[in-house]
Amino acid sequence: MTFQIIEPASDGNGFSMNPREQSARVGGHWVVWAAEPQQQGTVRLLVSEKRVPKNPVSGE
């Protein structure tokens, strides 16, 4: 499992990703917005520390 740290828009309509912030420690309180296959046997979780009203990845 790997993590991609995203910064959701405050209203949940989309997100940005800063390559320089990918080394932050992901904690148990972080929100998982999506899971994507990365390679065989590995999943990438799109996560943020901040919770927003709707899923910034799917728009739901």
Protein backbone atom coordinates (compact mmCIF):
# COMPACT_ATOMS: atom_id res chain seq x y z
CA MET A 1 0.00 0.00 0.00
CA THR A 2 1.20 3.48 -0.86
CA PHE A 3 -0.31 6.89 -0.19
CA GLN A 4 -0.93 9.89 -2.41
CA ILE A 5 -1.55 12.92 -0.23
CA ILE A 6 -4.10 15.30 -1.73
CA GLU A 7 -5.36 18.74 -0.73
CA PRO A 8 -9.13 18.82 -1.25
CA ALA A 9 -10.87 22.03 -2.30
CA SER A 10 -12.77 23.40 0.70
CA ASP A 11 -16.13 22.61 -0.93
CA GLY A 12 -15.04 19.12 -2.04
CA ASN A 13 -15.08 20.03 -5.75
CA GLY A 14 -11.75 18.59 -6.79
CA PHE A 15 -8.29 18.51 -5.26
CA SER A 16 -4.67 19.35 -5.85
CA MET A 17 -1.53 17.38 -5.14
CA ASN A 18 1.86 18.81 -4.22
CA PRO A 19 4.73 16.40 -5.04
CA ARG A 20 6.87 18.01 -2.32
CA GLU A 21 4.36 17.06 0.40
CA GLN A 22 4.24 13.35 -0.34
CA SER A 23 6.62 12.43 2.46
CA ALA A 24 4.25 13.49 5.27
CA ARG A 25 3.37 10.80 7.80
CA VAL A 26 -0.17 9.56 7.24
CA GLY A 27 -1.95 8.93 10.51
CA GLY A 28 -4.98 6.92 11.55
CA HIS A 29 -7.17 10.04 11.57
CA TRP A 30 -6.58 10.79 7.87
CA VAL A 31 -9.45 10.39 5.39
CA VAL A 32 -9.21 7.85 2.55
CA TRP A 33 -11.05 9.22 -0.49
CA ALA A 34 -10.17 6.57 -3.08
CA ALA A 35 -8.14 3.44 -3.69
CA GLU A 36 -6.43 2.76 -7.01
CA PRO A 37 -4.37 -0.20 -8.20
CA GLN A 38 -0.75 0.87 -8.51
CA GLN A 39 0.95 -2.37 -9.53
CA GLN A 40 0.29 -6.02 -8.94
CA GLY A 41 -0.21 -6.53 -5.21
CA THR A 42 -0.09 -2.79 -4.36
CA VAL A 43 -2.88 -0.27 -3.85
CA ARG A 44 -2.48 3.51 -3.73
CA LEU A 45 -4.78 5.33 -1.29
CA LEU A 46 -5.66 8.96 -2.01
CA VAL A 47 -5.78 10.57 1.42
CA SER A 48 -6.03 13.93 3.14
CA GLU A 49 -5.75 15.09 6.70
CA LYS A 50 -8.66 17.47 6.15
CA ARG A 51 -12.28 16.28 5.83
CA VAL A 52 -14.56 18.15 3.42
CA PRO A 53 -18.34 17.91 2.74
CA LYS A 54 -18.06 15.61 -0.28
CA ASN A 55 -15.52 13.31 -1.87
CA PRO A 56 -13.08 15.50 -3.84
CA VAL A 57 -12.06 12.55 -6.03
CA SER A 58 -15.49 11.25 -7.11
CA GLY A 59 -17.57 14.37 -6.48
CA GLU A 60 -20.09 12.41 -4.43
